[in-house]
Amino acid sequence: MSIAVALQKPNRDYSKPRSYRLIQLLKVLGKTLERIQAHRLSYYAVKYKFFPSTQYGGISGRSAQDAVMTITHHMTLKLPGTMIEQ
């Protein structure tokens, strides 16, 4: 079950039922709580290093730019005649 709230549509004749819009409050509350949980899980996963160091997508503080810089760094180390060969 959910709670429905009737909101008036702008510039309408409010004597007609079609002039109102029903909003379900339970789904909005559920989505909000789900988002809070997702942020908490993400925080703890990063804090306790559940993600590998090579994963960049979907992690706060890591971007596509970081991935490109990592690849560029590894390529520079492996190419002959550049910096250090391992």
C-alpha atoms as a PDB file:
ATOM      1  CA  MET A   1       0.000   0.000   0.000  1.00  0.00           C
ATOM      2  CA  SER A   2       1.003   3.575  -0.482  1.00  0.00           C
ATOM      3  CA  ILE A   3      -0.281   7.032   0.316  1.00  0.00           C
ATOM      4  CA  ALA A   4      -1.585   9.063  -2.609  1.00  0.00           C
ATOM      5  CA  VAL A   5      -1.574  12.858  -2.465  1.00  0.00           C
ATOM      6  CA  ALA A   6      -3.571  14.920  -4.939  1.00  0.00           C
ATOM      7  CA  LEU A   7      -1.747  17.925  -6.383  1.00  0.00           C
ATOM      8  CA  GLN A   8      -3.508  20.572  -8.441  1.00  0.00           C
ATOM      9  CA  LYS A   9      -2.381  21.008 -12.031  1.00  0.00           C
ATOM     10  CA  PRO A  10      -1.693  24.654 -12.911  1.00  0.00           C
ATOM     11  CA  ASN A  11      -4.289  26.749 -14.764  1.00  0.00           C
ATOM     12  CA  ARG A  12      -7.101  24.193 -14.617  1.00  0.00           C
ATOM     13  CA  ASP A  13     -10.733  24.126 -13.532  1.00  0.00           C
ATOM     14  CA  TYR A  14     -10.423  22.553 -10.086  1.00  0.00           C
ATOM     15  CA  SER A  15     -14.023  21.373 -10.047  1.00  0.00           C
ATOM     16  CA  LYS A  16     -13.049  18.591 -12.488  1.00  0.00           C
ATOM     17  CA  PRO A  17     -11.237  15.458 -11.293  1.00  0.00           C
ATOM     18  CA  ARG A  18      -8.774  15.641 -14.213  1.00  0.00           C
ATOM     19  CA  SER A  19      -7.376  18.860 -12.753  1.00  0.00           C
ATOM     20  CA  TYR A  20      -5.504  16.894 -10.100  1.00  0.00           C
ATOM     21  CA  ARG A  21      -2.405  14.737 -10.263  1.00  0.00           C
ATOM     22  CA  LEU A  22      -1.928  11.829  -7.845  1.00  0.00           C
ATOM     23  CA  ILE A  23       1.540  11.331  -6.357  1.00  0.00           C
ATOM     24  CA  GLN A  24       2.487   8.080  -4.602  1.00  0.00           C
ATOM     25  CA  LEU A  25       4.572   8.919  -1.529  1.00  0.00           C
ATOM     26  CA  LEU A  26       5.751   5.410  -0.661  1.00  0.00           C
ATOM     27  CA  LYS A  27       7.739   4.961  -3.870  1.00  0.00           C
ATOM     28  CA  VAL A  28       9.502   8.281  -3.376  1.00  0.00           C
ATOM     29  CA  LEU A  29      10.419   7.352   0.186  1.00  0.00           C
ATOM     30  CA  GLY A  30      11.667   3.936  -0.942  1.00  0.00           C
ATOM     31  CA  LYS A  31      13.825   5.447  -3.678  1.00  0.00           C
ATOM     32  CA  THR A  32      15.325   7.926  -1.222  1.00  0.00           C
ATOM     33  CA  LEU A  33      16.195   5.197   1.282  1.00  0.00           C
ATOM     34  CA  GLU A  34      17.623   3.031  -1.504  1.00  0.00           C
ATOM     35  CA  ARG A  35      19.870   5.880  -2.615  1.00  0.00           C
ATOM     36  CA  ILE A  36      21.107   6.460   0.942  1.00  0.00           C
ATOM     37  CA  GLN A  37      21.948   2.760   1.291  1.00  0.00           C
ATOM     38  CA  ALA A  38      23.768   2.745  -2.058  1.00  0.00           C
ATOM     39  CA  HIS A  39      25.923   5.688  -0.960  1.00  0.00           C
ATOM     40  CA  ARG A  40      26.731   3.980   2.354  1.00  0.00           C
ATOM     41  CA  LEU A  41      27.669   0.698   0.675  1.00  0.00           C
ATOM     42  CA  SER A  42      29.824   2.524  -1.841  1.00  0.00           C
ATOM     43  CA  TYR A  43      31.602   4.430   0.942  1.00  0.00           C
ATOM     44  CA  TYR A  44      32.389   1.275   2.918  1.00  0.00           C
ATOM     45  CA  ALA A  45      33.494  -0.612  -0.198  1.00  0.00           C
ATOM     46  CA  VAL A  46      36.045   2.119  -0.968  1.00  0.00           C
ATOM     47  CA  LYS A  47      37.085   2.526   2.681  1.00  0.00           C
ATOM     48  CA  TYR A  48      37.820  -1.177   3.156  1.00  0.00           C
ATOM     49  CA  LYS A  49      39.266  -1.588  -0.372  1.00  0.00           C
ATOM     50  CA  PHE A  50      36.745  -4.095  -1.743  1.00  0.00           C
ATOM     51  CA  PHE A  51      37.324  -2.751  -5.265  1.00  0.00           C
ATOM     52  CA  PRO A  52      40.484  -3.633  -7.182  1.00  0.00           C
ATOM     53  CA  SER A  53      42.870  -0.759  -7.886  1.00  0.00           C
ATOM     54  CA  THR A  54      42.217  -1.186 -11.617  1.00  0.00           C
ATOM     55  CA  GLN A  55      38.493  -0.385 -11.372  1.00  0.00           C
ATOM     56  CA  TYR A  56      37.606   3.233 -12.095  1.00  0.00           C
ATOM     57  CA  GLY A  57      33.928   3.278 -13.086  1.00  0.00           C
ATOM     58  CA  GLY A  58      31.290   3.927 -10.458  1.00  0.00           C
ATOM     59  CA  ILE A  59      33.735   4.805  -7.690  1.00  0.00           C
ATOM     60  CA  SER A  60      33.786   8.251  -6.155  1.00  0.00           C
ATOM     61  CA  GLY A  61      37.158   9.928  -6.565  1.00  0.00           C
ATOM     62  CA  ARG A  62      38.205   7.822  -9.569  1.00  0.00           C
ATOM     63  CA  SER A  63      37.579   8.997 -13.104  1.00  0.00           C
ATOM     64  CA  ALA A  64      38.227   8.126 -16.728  1.00  0.00           C
ATOM     65  CA  GLN A  65      41.124  10.581 -16.602  1.00  0.00           C
ATOM     66  CA  ASP A  66      42.754   8.474 -13.878  1.00  0.00           C
ATOM     67  CA  ALA A  67      42.371   5.361 -16.047  1.00  0.00           C
ATOM     68  CA  VAL A  68      44.021   7.082 -19.036  1.00  0.00           C
ATOM     69  CA  MET A  69      46.884   8.333 -16.869  1.00  0.00           C
ATOM     70  CA  THR A  70      47.459   4.814 -15.497  1.00  0.00           C
ATOM     71  CA  ILE A  71      47.548   3.293 -18.982  1.00  0.00           C
ATOM     72  CA  THR A  72      49.877   6.034 -20.216  1.00  0.00           C
ATOM     73  CA  HIS A  73      52.197   5.464 -17.253  1.00  0.00           C
ATOM     74  CA  HIS A  74      52.359   1.693 -17.827  1.00  0.00           C
ATOM     75  CA  MET A  75      52.943   2.148 -21.563  1.00  0.00           C
ATOM     76  CA  THR A  76      55.757   4.624 -20.915  1.00  0.00           C
ATOM     77  CA  LEU A  77      57.485   2.166 -18.592  1.00  0.00           C
ATOM     78  CA  LYS A  78      57.264  -0.668 -21.128  1.00  0.00           C
ATOM     79  CA  LEU A  79      58.417   1.165 -24.287  1.00  0.00           C
ATOM     80  CA  PRO A  80      62.126   0.844 -25.121  1.00  0.00           C
ATOM     81  CA  GLY A  81      64.057   4.095 -25.026  1.00  0.00           C
ATOM     82  CA  THR A  82      61.692   5.790 -22.580  1.00  0.00           C
ATOM     83  CA  MET A  83      62.217   6.316 -18.876  1.00  0.00           C
ATOM     84  CA  ILE A  84      62.766   2.923 -17.182  1.00  0.00           C
ATOM     85  CA  GLU A  85      62.338  -0.550 -18.601  1.00  0.00           C
ATOM     86  CA  GLN A  86      61.141  -3.233 -16.236  1.00  0.00           C
END
